[in-house]
Amino acid sequence: MIIYIISAVKGTLLNKKTGVETRLGEHEQQTLKILMQNYGVIMNTDELIQQVWQKKCVTRGSLIKVINSLRYTLKDTPPYKIIMTAPRKGYWFNPQAISLFGQSRI
């Protein structure tokens, strides 16, 4: 099992197994924070876009890019176990994956 430590102050995700610290972009940080705060709840795609980008006009492609980036960083490969997709609805953070995160500071 891989355990991650998230630092909102530094904007990083630390893989405790490898010691590799990855800097998250602003949108990756916001998306992960929202998904983790609402773990187990499907977050509507439009709602996520509105919360992450606020008043900026972006497409769903921007959100997909951020989700893919997070999955890559979290080593979440198909079949996805951490950030789940609800087809035509949105995304949710798997509550069973919450144990993967140590001292989350989000």
PDB file of N, CA and C in Angstrom:
ATOM      1  N   MET A   1       0.832  -1.165   0.000  1.00  0.00           N
ATOM      2  CA  MET A   1       0.000   0.000   0.000  1.00  0.00           C
ATOM      3  C   MET A   1       0.888   1.243   0.000  1.00  0.00           C
ATOM      4  N   ILE A   2       0.500   2.230  -0.814  1.00  0.00           N
ATOM      5  CA  ILE A   2       1.222   3.497  -0.869  1.00  0.00           C
ATOM      6  C   ILE A   2       0.492   4.490   0.011  1.00  0.00           C
ATOM      7  N   ILE A   3       1.221   5.208   0.836  1.00  0.00           N
ATOM      8  CA  ILE A   3       0.624   6.235   1.677  1.00  0.00           C
ATOM      9  C   ILE A   3       1.129   7.585   1.202  1.00  0.00           C
ATOM     10  N   TYR A   4       0.212   8.525   1.042  1.00  0.00           N
ATOM     11  CA  TYR A   4       0.545   9.867   0.602  1.00  0.00           C
ATOM     12  C   TYR A   4       0.310  10.852   1.729  1.00  0.00           C
ATOM     13  N   ILE A   5       1.155  11.840   1.785  1.00  0.00           N
ATOM     14  CA  ILE A   5       0.958  12.955   2.705  1.00  0.00           C
ATOM     15  C   ILE A   5       0.795  14.200   1.846  1.00  0.00           C
ATOM     16  N   ILE A   6      -0.295  14.892   2.086  1.00  0.00           N
ATOM     17  CA  ILE A   6      -0.601  16.076   1.313  1.00  0.00           C
ATOM     18  C   ILE A   6      -0.270  17.302   2.145  1.00  0.00           C
ATOM     19  N   SER A   7       0.427  18.228   1.541  1.00  0.00           N
ATOM     20  CA  SER A   7       0.727  19.496   2.205  1.00  0.00           C
ATOM     21  C   SER A   7       0.096  20.622   1.401  1.00  0.00           C
ATOM     22  N   ALA A   8      -0.977  21.192   1.944  1.00  0.00           N
ATOM     23  CA  ALA A   8      -1.624  22.317   1.268  1.00  0.00           C
ATOM     24  C   ALA A   8      -0.731  23.546   1.305  1.00  0.00           C
ATOM     25  N   VAL A   9       0.077  23.666   2.346  1.00  0.00           N
ATOM     26  CA  VAL A   9       0.973  24.817   2.483  1.00  0.00           C
ATOM     27  C   VAL A   9       2.003  24.827   1.359  1.00  0.00           C
ATOM     28  N   LYS A  10       2.626  23.670   1.112  1.00  0.00           N
ATOM     29  CA  LYS A  10       3.648  23.564   0.073  1.00  0.00           C
ATOM     30  C   LYS A  10       3.046  23.217  -1.293  1.00  0.00           C
ATOM     31  N   GLY A  11       1.793  22.749  -1.297  1.00  0.00           N
ATOM     32  CA  GLY A  11       1.169  22.344  -2.552  1.00  0.00           C
ATOM     33  C   GLY A  11       1.773  21.089  -3.116  1.00  0.00           C
ATOM     34  N   THR A  12       2.126  20.150  -2.217  1.00  0.00           N
ATOM     35  CA  THR A  12       2.796  18.927  -2.653  1.00  0.00           C
ATOM     36  C   THR A  12       2.077  17.673  -2.165  1.00  0.00           C
ATOM     37  N   LEU A  13       2.423  16.583  -2.820  1.00  0.00           N
ATOM     38  CA  LEU A  13       1.938  15.263  -2.460  1.00  0.00           C
ATOM     39  C   LEU A  13       3.182  14.394  -2.291  1.00  0.00           C
ATOM     40  N   LEU A  14       3.387  13.875  -1.086  1.00  0.00           N
ATOM     41  CA  LEU A  14       4.568  13.069  -0.784  1.00  0.00           C
ATOM     42  C   LEU A  14       4.200  11.594  -0.767  1.00  0.00           C
ATOM     43  N   ASN A  15       4.891  10.815  -1.598  1.00  0.00           N
ATOM     44  CA  ASN A  15       4.731   9.367  -1.612  1.00  0.00           C
ATOM     45  C   ASN A  15       5.670   8.814  -0.541  1.00  0.00           C
ATOM     46  N   LYS A  16       5.098   8.322   0.554  1.00  0.00           N
ATOM     47  CA  LYS A  16       5.909   7.842   1.682  1.00  0.00           C
ATOM     48  C   LYS A  16       6.740   6.614   1.325  1.00  0.00           C
ATOM     49  N   LYS A  17       6.269   5.832   0.370  1.00  0.00           N
ATOM     50  CA  LYS A  17       6.985   4.617  -0.007  1.00  0.00           C
ATOM     51  C   LYS A  17       8.292   4.949  -0.737  1.00  0.00           C
ATOM     52  N   THR A  18       8.229   5.906  -1.660  1.00  0.00           N
ATOM     53  CA  THR A  18       9.400   6.227  -2.468  1.00  0.00           C
ATOM     54  C   THR A  18      10.127   7.486  -1.992  1.00  0.00           C
ATOM     55  N   GLY A  19       9.449   8.283  -1.184  1.00  0.00           N
ATOM     56  CA  GLY A  19      10.032   9.544  -0.737  1.00  0.00           C
ATOM     57  C   GLY A  19       9.945  10.649  -1.781  1.00  0.00           C
ATOM     58  N   VAL A  20       9.262  10.366  -2.884  1.00  0.00           N
ATOM     59  CA  VAL A  20       9.134  11.349  -3.959  1.00  0.00           C
ATOM     60  C   VAL A  20       8.024  12.344  -3.613  1.00  0.00           C
ATOM     61  N   GLU A  21       8.389  13.626  -3.674  1.00  0.00           N
ATOM     62  CA  GLU A  21       7.435  14.694  -3.411  1.00  0.00           C
ATOM     63  C   GLU A  21       7.101  15.352  -4.743  1.00  0.00           C
ATOM     64  N   THR A  22       5.818  15.409  -5.057  1.00  0.00           N
ATOM     65  CA  THR A  22       5.365  15.966  -6.326  1.00  0.00           C
ATOM     66  C   THR A  22       4.608  17.256  -6.077  1.00  0.00           C
ATOM     67  N   ARG A  23       4.995  18.287  -6.781  1.00  0.00           N
ATOM     68  CA  ARG A  23       4.297  19.561  -6.667  1.00  0.00           C
ATOM     69  C   ARG A  23       3.026  19.489  -7.506  1.00  0.00           C
ATOM     70  N   LEU A  24       1.909  19.841  -6.891  1.00  0.00           N
ATOM     71  CA  LEU A  24       0.633  19.861  -7.592  1.00  0.00           C
ATOM     72  C   LEU A  24       0.349  21.271  -8.079  1.00  0.00           C
ATOM     73  N   GLY A  25      -0.222  21.359  -9.267  1.00  0.00           N
ATOM     74  CA  GLY A  25      -0.649  22.655  -9.778  1.00  0.00           C
ATOM     75  C   GLY A  25      -1.856  23.142  -8.990  1.00  0.00           C
ATOM     76  N   GLU A  26      -2.174  24.403  -9.152  1.00  0.00           N
ATOM     77  CA  GLU A  26      -3.287  25.011  -8.416  1.00  0.00           C
ATOM     78  C   GLU A  26      -4.597  24.259  -8.639  1.00  0.00           C
ATOM     79  N   HIS A  27      -4.885  23.897  -9.878  1.00  0.00           N
ATOM     80  CA  HIS A  27      -6.144  23.212 -10.179  1.00  0.00           C
ATOM     81  C   HIS A  27      -6.144  21.772  -9.670  1.00  0.00           C
ATOM     82  N   GLU A  28      -4.987  21.129  -9.691  1.00  0.00           N
ATOM     83  CA  GLU A  28      -4.884  19.779  -9.132  1.00  0.00           C
ATOM     84  C   GLU A  28      -5.130  19.822  -7.619  1.00  0.00           C
ATOM     85  N   GLN A  29      -4.537  20.815  -6.947  1.00  0.00           N
ATOM     86  CA  GLN A  29      -4.733  20.960  -5.502  1.00  0.00           C
ATOM     87  C   GLN A  29      -6.208  21.173  -5.167  1.00  0.00           C
ATOM     88  N   GLN A  30      -6.828  22.093  -5.891  1.00  0.00           N
ATOM     89  CA  GLN A  30      -8.236  22.415  -5.622  1.00  0.00           C
ATOM     90  C   GLN A  30      -9.140  21.216  -5.876  1.00  0.00           C
ATOM     91  N   THR A  31      -8.912  20.523  -6.997  1.00  0.00           N
ATOM     92  CA  THR A  31      -9.742  19.367  -7.350  1.00  0.00           C
ATOM     93  C   THR A  31      -9.593  18.262  -6.316  1.00  0.00           C
ATOM     94  N   LEU A  32      -8.371  17.950  -5.930  1.00  0.00           N
ATOM     95  CA  LEU A  32      -8.135  16.911  -4.930  1.00  0.00           C
ATOM     96  C   LEU A  32      -8.772  17.296  -3.601  1.00  0.00           C
ATOM     97  N   LYS A  33      -8.644  18.545  -3.215  1.00  0.00           N
ATOM     98  CA  LYS A  33      -9.231  19.022  -1.965  1.00  0.00           C
ATOM     99  C   LYS A  33     -10.746  18.846  -1.972  1.00  0.00           C
ATOM    100  N   ILE A  34     -11.384  19.249  -3.048  1.00  0.00           N
ATOM    101  CA  ILE A  34     -12.842  19.142  -3.144  1.00  0.00           C
ATOM    102  C   ILE A  34     -13.281  17.685  -3.126  1.00  0.00           C
ATOM    103  N   LEU A  35     -12.590  16.836  -3.895  1.00  0.00           N
ATOM    104  CA  LEU A  35     -12.965  15.417  -3.940  1.00  0.00           C
ATOM    105  C   LEU A  35     -12.776  14.756  -2.574  1.00  0.00           C
ATOM    106  N   MET A  36     -11.681  15.088  -1.895  1.00  0.00           N
ATOM    107  CA  MET A  36     -11.429  14.475  -0.584  1.00  0.00           C
ATOM    108  C   MET A  36     -12.402  14.988   0.475  1.00  0.00           C
ATOM    109  N   GLN A  37     -12.752  16.257   0.414  1.00  0.00           N
ATOM    110  CA  GLN A  37     -13.699  16.806   1.383  1.00  0.00           C
ATOM    111  C   GLN A  37     -15.095  16.210   1.204  1.00  0.00           C
ATOM    112  N   ASN A  38     -15.377  15.744  -0.004  1.00  0.00           N
ATOM    113  CA  ASN A  38     -16.688  15.170  -0.319  1.00  0.00           C
ATOM    114  C   ASN A  38     -16.573  13.689  -0.667  1.00  0.00           C
ATOM    115  N   TYR A  39     -15.579  12.994  -0.043  1.00  0.00           N
ATOM    116  CA  TYR A  39     -15.323  11.604  -0.436  1.00  0.00           C
ATOM    117  C   TYR A  39     -16.587  10.766  -0.325  1.00  0.00           C
ATOM    118  N   GLY A  40     -16.764   9.907  -1.339  1.00  0.00           N
ATOM    119  CA  GLY A  40     -17.936   9.041  -1.404  1.00  0.00           C
ATOM    120  C   GLY A  40     -19.123   9.690  -2.086  1.00  0.00           C
ATOM    121  N   VAL A  41     -19.050  10.982  -2.365  1.00  0.00           N
ATOM    122  CA  VAL A  41     -20.140  11.715  -3.005  1.00  0.00           C
ATOM    123  C   VAL A  41     -19.729  12.035  -4.444  1.00  0.00           C
ATOM    124  N   ILE A  42     -20.614  11.738  -5.389  1.00  0.00           N
ATOM    125  CA  ILE A  42     -20.322  12.065  -6.782  1.00  0.00           C
ATOM    126  C   ILE A  42     -20.403  13.579  -6.942  1.00  0.00           C
ATOM    127  N   MET A  43     -19.291  14.142  -7.385  1.00  0.00           N
ATOM    128  CA  MET A  43     -19.240  15.581  -7.640  1.00  0.00           C
ATOM    129  C   MET A  43     -19.524  15.803  -9.125  1.00  0.00           C
ATOM    130  N   ASN A  44     -20.625  16.487  -9.403  1.00  0.00           N
ATOM    131  CA  ASN A  44     -21.031  16.789 -10.765  1.00  0.00           C
ATOM    132  C   ASN A  44     -19.909  17.522 -11.492  1.00  0.00           C
ATOM    133  N   THR A  45     -19.686  17.159 -12.741  1.00  0.00           N
ATOM    134  CA  THR A  45     -18.613  17.753 -13.530  1.00  0.00           C
ATOM    135  C   THR A  45     -18.719  19.279 -13.577  1.00  0.00           C
ATOM    136  N   ASP A  46     -19.909  19.783 -13.849  1.00  0.00           N
ATOM    137  CA  ASP A  46     -20.086  21.238 -13.930  1.00  0.00           C
ATOM    138  C   ASP A  46     -19.838  21.909 -12.588  1.00  0.00           C
ATOM    139  N   GLU A  47     -20.249  21.253 -11.518  1.00  0.00           N
ATOM    140  CA  GLU A  47     -20.026  21.785 -10.174  1.00  0.00           C
ATOM    141  C   GLU A  47     -18.524  21.840  -9.854  1.00  0.00           C
ATOM    142  N   LEU A  48     -17.812  20.784 -10.208  1.00  0.00           N
ATOM    143  CA  LEU A  48     -16.360  20.767  -9.996  1.00  0.00           C
ATOM    144  C   LEU A  48     -15.676  21.888 -10.772  1.00  0.00           C
ATOM    145  N   ILE A  49     -16.059  22.044 -12.024  1.00  0.00           N
ATOM    146  CA  ILE A  49     -15.476  23.104 -12.849  1.00  0.00           C
ATOM    147  C   ILE A  49     -15.743  24.465 -12.215  1.00  0.00           C
ATOM    148  N   GLN A  50     -16.964  24.680 -11.762  1.00  0.00           N
ATOM    149  CA  GLN A  50     -17.329  25.963 -11.163  1.00  0.00           C
ATOM    150  C   GLN A  50     -16.523  26.224  -9.887  1.00  0.00           C
ATOM    151  N   GLN A  51     -16.343  25.188  -9.063  1.00  0.00           N
ATOM    152  CA  GLN A  51     -15.615  25.363  -7.810  1.00  0.00           C
ATOM    153  C   GLN A  51     -14.108  25.538  -8.027  1.00  0.00           C
ATOM    154  N   VAL A  52     -13.563  24.838  -8.986  1.00  0.00           N
ATOM    155  CA  VAL A  52     -12.113  24.884  -9.210  1.00  0.00           C
ATOM    156  C   VAL A  52     -11.701  26.125 -10.002  1.00  0.00           C
ATOM    157  N   TRP A  53     -12.423  26.422 -11.069  1.00  0.00           N
ATOM    158  CA  TRP A  53     -12.044  27.536 -11.932  1.00  0.00           C
ATOM    159  C   TRP A  53     -12.847  28.806 -11.645  1.00  0.00           C
ATOM    160  N   GLN A  54     -13.841  28.704 -10.790  1.00  0.00           N
ATOM    161  CA  GLN A  54     -14.706  29.810 -10.386  1.00  0.00           C
ATOM    162  C   GLN A  54     -15.308  30.516 -11.593  1.00  0.00           C
ATOM    163  N   LYS A  55     -14.960  31.738 -11.851  1.00  0.00           N
ATOM    164  CA  LYS A  55     -15.636  32.505 -12.914  1.00  0.00           C
ATOM    165  C   LYS A  55     -14.970  32.396 -14.272  1.00  0.00           C
ATOM    166  N   LYS A  56     -13.922  31.593 -14.363  1.00  0.00           N
ATOM    167  CA  LYS A  56     -13.239  31.423 -15.650  1.00  0.00           C
ATOM    168  C   LYS A  56     -14.039  30.457 -16.517  1.00  0.00           C
ATOM    169  N   CYS A  57     -14.023  30.702 -17.805  1.00  0.00           N
ATOM    170  CA  CYS A  57     -14.741  29.853 -18.746  1.00  0.00           C
ATOM    171  C   CYS A  57     -13.786  28.763 -19.254  1.00  0.00           C
ATOM    172  N   VAL A  58     -14.022  27.534 -18.838  1.00  0.00           N
ATOM    173  CA  VAL A  58     -13.198  26.411 -19.292  1.00  0.00           C
ATOM    174  C   VAL A  58     -14.107  25.272 -19.742  1.00  0.00           C
ATOM    175  N   THR A  59     -13.544  24.350 -20.488  1.00  0.00           N
ATOM    176  CA  THR A  59     -14.317  23.206 -20.970  1.00  0.00           C
ATOM    177  C   THR A  59     -14.119  22.012 -20.033  1.00  0.00           C
ATOM    178  N   ARG A  60     -14.905  20.996 -20.251  1.00  0.00           N
ATOM    179  CA  ARG A  60     -14.764  19.764 -19.473  1.00  0.00           C
ATOM    180  C   ARG A  60     -13.404  19.122 -19.716  1.00  0.00           C
ATOM    181  N   GLY A  61     -12.836  19.415 -20.864  1.00  0.00           N
ATOM    182  CA  GLY A  61     -11.512  18.891 -21.183  1.00  0.00           C
ATOM    183  C   GLY A  61     -10.463  19.332 -20.171  1.00  0.00           C
ATOM    184  N   SER A  62     -10.621  20.537 -19.644  1.00  0.00           N
ATOM    185  CA  SER A  62      -9.684  21.031 -18.625  1.00  0.00           C
ATOM    186  C   SER A  62      -9.772  20.183 -17.366  1.00  0.00           C
ATOM    187  N   LEU A  63     -10.993  19.844 -16.971  1.00  0.00           N
ATOM    188  CA  LEU A  63     -11.184  19.005 -15.786  1.00  0.00           C
ATOM    189  C   LEU A  63     -10.645  17.600 -16.031  1.00  0.00           C
ATOM    190  N   ILE A  64     -10.902  17.061 -17.190  1.00  0.00           N
ATOM    191  CA  ILE A  64     -10.399  15.723 -17.528  1.00  0.00           C
ATOM    192  C   ILE A  64      -8.879  15.697 -17.446  1.00  0.00           C
ATOM    193  N   LYS A  65      -8.236  16.760 -17.951  1.00  0.00           N
ATOM    194  CA  LYS A  65      -6.779  16.854 -17.909  1.00  0.00           C
ATOM    195  C   LYS A  65      -6.277  16.853 -16.460  1.00  0.00           C
ATOM    196  N   VAL A  66      -6.952  17.592 -15.578  1.00  0.00           N
ATOM    197  CA  VAL A  66      -6.571  17.655 -14.164  1.00  0.00           C
ATOM    198  C   VAL A  66      -6.784  16.298 -13.493  1.00  0.00           C
ATOM    199  N   ILE A  67      -7.904  15.647 -13.761  1.00  0.00           N
ATOM    200  CA  ILE A  67      -8.189  14.328 -13.184  1.00  0.00           C
ATOM    201  C   ILE A  67      -7.121  13.334 -13.638  1.00  0.00           C
ATOM    202  N   ASN A  68      -6.787  13.343 -14.914  1.00  0.00           N
ATOM    203  CA  ASN A  68      -5.749  12.431 -15.428  1.00  0.00           C
ATOM    204  C   ASN A  68      -4.398  12.705 -14.786  1.00  0.00           C
ATOM    205  N   SER A  69      -4.084  13.974 -14.580  1.00  0.00           N
ATOM    206  CA  SER A  69      -2.833  14.344 -13.930  1.00  0.00           C
ATOM    207  C   SER A  69      -2.796  13.820 -12.492  1.00  0.00           C
ATOM    208  N   LEU A  70      -3.902  13.976 -11.774  1.00  0.00           N
ATOM    209  CA  LEU A  70      -3.975  13.467 -10.394  1.00  0.00           C
ATOM    210  C   LEU A  70      -3.852  11.952 -10.363  1.00  0.00           C
ATOM    211  N   ARG A  71      -4.539  11.283 -11.268  1.00  0.00           N
ATOM    212  CA  ARG A  71      -4.462   9.823 -11.319  1.00  0.00           C
ATOM    213  C   ARG A  71      -3.032   9.367 -11.593  1.00  0.00           C
ATOM    214  N   TYR A  72      -2.346  10.046 -12.481  1.00  0.00           N
ATOM    215  CA  TYR A  72      -0.956   9.709 -12.780  1.00  0.00           C
ATOM    216  C   TYR A  72      -0.085   9.895 -11.540  1.00  0.00           C
ATOM    217  N   THR A  73      -0.255  11.016 -10.867  1.00  0.00           N
ATOM    218  CA  THR A  73       0.532  11.313  -9.675  1.00  0.00           C
ATOM    219  C   THR A  73       0.255  10.308  -8.562  1.00  0.00           C
ATOM    220  N   LEU A  74      -1.007   9.893  -8.439  1.00  0.00           N
ATOM    221  CA  LEU A  74      -1.407   8.948  -7.391  1.00  0.00           C
ATOM    222  C   LEU A  74      -1.176   7.485  -7.799  1.00  0.00           C
ATOM    223  N   LYS A  75      -0.637   7.282  -8.990  1.00  0.00           N
ATOM    224  CA  LYS A  75      -0.434   5.916  -9.506  1.00  0.00           C
ATOM    225  C   LYS A  75      -1.760   5.157  -9.556  1.00  0.00           C
ATOM    226  N   ASP A  76      -2.832   5.884  -9.845  1.00  0.00           N
ATOM    227  CA  ASP A  76      -4.190   5.319  -9.915  1.00  0.00           C
ATOM    228  C   ASP A  76      -4.453   4.906 -11.356  1.00  0.00           C
ATOM    229  N   THR A  77      -4.165   3.635 -11.665  1.00  0.00           N
ATOM    230  CA  THR A  77      -4.308   3.131 -13.028  1.00  0.00           C
ATOM    231  C   THR A  77      -5.570   2.280 -13.131  1.00  0.00           C
ATOM    232  N   PRO A  78      -6.074   2.094 -14.365  1.00  0.00           N
ATOM    233  CA  PRO A  78      -7.288   1.277 -14.521  1.00  0.00           C
ATOM    234  C   PRO A  78      -7.087  -0.122 -13.971  1.00  0.00           C
ATOM    235  N   PRO A  79      -8.059  -0.734 -13.348  1.00  0.00           N
ATOM    236  CA  PRO A  79      -9.326  -0.097 -12.961  1.00  0.00           C
ATOM    237  C   PRO A  79      -9.088   0.886 -11.812  1.00  0.00           C
ATOM    238  N   TYR A  80      -9.585   2.099 -11.976  1.00  0.00           N
ATOM    239  CA  TYR A  80      -9.330   3.155 -10.999  1.00  0.00           C
ATOM    240  C   TYR A  80      -9.878   2.794  -9.624  1.00  0.00           C
ATOM    241  N   LYS A  81      -9.098   3.104  -8.593  1.00  0.00           N
ATOM    242  CA  LYS A  81      -9.481   2.765  -7.228  1.00  0.00           C
ATOM    243  C   LYS A  81      -9.522   3.981  -6.305  1.00  0.00           C
ATOM    244  N   ILE A  82      -8.945   5.096  -6.746  1.00  0.00           N
ATOM    245  CA  ILE A  82      -8.881   6.278  -5.890  1.00  0.00           C
ATOM    246  C   ILE A  82      -9.867   7.338  -6.380  1.00  0.00           C
ATOM    247  N   ILE A  83      -9.640   7.852  -7.576  1.00  0.00           N
ATOM    248  CA  ILE A  83     -10.569   8.819  -8.156  1.00  0.00           C
ATOM    249  C   ILE A  83     -11.434   8.066  -9.154  1.00  0.00           C
ATOM    250  N   MET A  84     -12.690   7.951  -8.806  1.00  0.00           N
ATOM    251  CA  MET A  84     -13.619   7.151  -9.587  1.00  0.00           C
ATOM    252  C   MET A  84     -14.401   8.044 -10.552  1.00  0.00           C
ATOM    253  N   THR A  85     -14.828   7.452 -11.671  1.00  0.00           N
ATOM    254  CA  THR A  85     -15.647   8.166 -12.648  1.00  0.00           C
ATOM    255  C   THR A  85     -17.069   7.648 -12.581  1.00  0.00           C
ATOM    256  N   ALA A  86     -18.011   8.570 -12.508  1.00  0.00           N
ATOM    257  CA  ALA A  86     -19.429   8.233 -12.636  1.00  0.00           C
ATOM    258  C   ALA A  86     -19.827   8.708 -14.038  1.00  0.00           C
ATOM    259  N   PRO A  87     -19.933   7.795 -15.005  1.00  0.00           N
ATOM    260  CA  PRO A  87     -20.185   8.197 -16.391  1.00  0.00           C
ATOM    261  C   PRO A  87     -21.338   9.199 -16.531  1.00  0.00           C
ATOM    262  N   ARG A  88     -21.061  10.257 -17.277  1.00  0.00           N
ATOM    263  CA  ARG A  88     -21.994  11.347 -17.568  1.00  0.00           C
ATOM    264  C   ARG A  88     -22.478  12.102 -16.333  1.00  0.00           C
ATOM    265  N   LYS A  89     -21.832  11.865 -15.194  1.00  0.00           N
ATOM    266  CA  LYS A  89     -22.224  12.563 -13.963  1.00  0.00           C
ATOM    267  C   LYS A  89     -21.069  13.371 -13.394  1.00  0.00           C
ATOM    268  N   GLY A  90     -19.951  12.699 -13.129  1.00  0.00           N
ATOM    269  CA  GLY A  90     -18.831  13.404 -12.536  1.00  0.00           C
ATOM    270  C   GLY A  90     -17.799  12.455 -11.967  1.00  0.00           C
ATOM    271  N   TYR A  91     -17.193  12.863 -10.866  1.00  0.00           N
ATOM    272  CA  TYR A  91     -16.114  12.101 -10.244  1.00  0.00           C
ATOM    273  C   TYR A  91     -16.336  12.030  -8.743  1.00  0.00           C
ATOM    274  N   TRP A  92     -15.753  11.012  -8.124  1.00  0.00           N
ATOM    275  CA  TRP A  92     -15.811  10.892  -6.672  1.00  0.00           C
ATOM    276  C   TRP A  92     -14.555  10.242  -6.163  1.00  0.00           C
ATOM    277  N   PHE A  93     -14.231  10.617  -4.937  1.00  0.00           N
ATOM    278  CA  PHE A  93     -13.060  10.066  -4.272  1.00  0.00           C
ATOM    279  C   PHE A  93     -13.529   8.844  -3.497  1.00  0.00           C
ATOM    280  N   ASN A  94     -12.957   7.704  -3.796  1.00  0.00           N
ATOM    281  CA  ASN A  94     -13.360   6.444  -3.184  1.00  0.00           C
ATOM    282  C   ASN A  94     -13.074   6.475  -1.676  1.00  0.00           C
ATOM    283  N   PRO A  95     -14.110   6.336  -0.838  1.00  0.00           N
ATOM    284  CA  PRO A  95     -13.882   6.379   0.610  1.00  0.00           C
ATOM    285  C   PRO A  95     -12.953   5.270   1.101  1.00  0.00           C
ATOM    286  N   GLN A  96     -12.876   4.158   0.384  1.00  0.00           N
ATOM    287  CA  GLN A  96     -11.977   3.087   0.777  1.00  0.00           C
ATOM    288  C   GLN A  96     -10.519   3.469   0.540  1.00  0.00           C
ATOM    289  N   ALA A  97     -10.299   4.472  -0.301  1.00  0.00           N
ATOM    290  CA  ALA A  97      -8.931   4.911  -0.592  1.00  0.00           C
ATOM    291  C   ALA A  97      -8.440   5.929   0.431  1.00  0.00           C
ATOM    292  N   ILE A  98      -9.317   6.420   1.268  1.00  0.00           N
ATOM    293  CA  ILE A  98      -8.935   7.456   2.222  1.00  0.00           C
ATOM    294  C   ILE A  98      -7.820   6.978   3.145  1.00  0.00           C
ATOM    295  N   SER A  99      -7.734   5.685   3.381  1.00  0.00           N
ATOM    296  CA  SER A  99      -6.672   5.160   4.234  1.00  0.00           C
ATOM    297  C   SER A  99      -5.307   5.265   3.560  1.00  0.00           C
ATOM    298  N   LEU A 100      -5.288   5.540   2.260  1.00  0.00           N
ATOM    299  CA  LEU A 100      -4.029   5.718   1.557  1.00  0.00           C
ATOM    300  C   LEU A 100      -3.360   7.030   1.941  1.00  0.00           C
ATOM    301  N   PHE A 101      -4.122   7.904   2.536  1.00  0.00           N
ATOM    302  CA  PHE A 101      -3.611   9.232   2.832  1.00  0.00           C
ATOM    303  C   PHE A 101      -3.332   9.342   4.311  1.00  0.00           C
ATOM    304  N   GLY A 102      -2.074   9.611   4.600  1.00  0.00           N
ATOM    305  CA  GLY A 102      -1.660   9.800   5.982  1.00  0.00           C
ATOM    306  C   GLY A 102      -2.155  11.134   6.500  1.00  0.00           C
ATOM    307  N   GLN A 103      -1.291  11.930   7.025  1.00  0.00           N
ATOM    308  CA  GLN A 103      -1.642  13.180   7.666  1.00  0.00           C
ATOM    309  C   GLN A 103      -2.044  14.215   6.628  1.00  0.00           C
ATOM    310  N   SER A 104      -3.237  14.037   6.081  1.00  0.00           N
ATOM    311  CA  SER A 104      -3.720  14.961   5.078  1.00  0.00           C
ATOM    312  C   SER A 104      -3.867  16.350   5.667  1.00  0.00           C
ATOM    313  N   ARG A 105      -3.317  17.306   5.000  1.00  0.00           N
ATOM    314  CA  ARG A 105      -3.397  18.682   5.490  1.00  0.00           C
ATOM    315  C   ARG A 105      -4.209  19.556   4.549  1.00  0.00           C
ATOM    316  N   ILE A 106      -5.119  18.935   3.835  1.00  0.00           N
ATOM    317  CA  ILE A 106      -5.977  19.716   2.928  1.00  0.00           C
ATOM    318  C   ILE A 106      -7.136  20.241   3.723  1.00  0.00           C
TER     319      ILE A 106
END
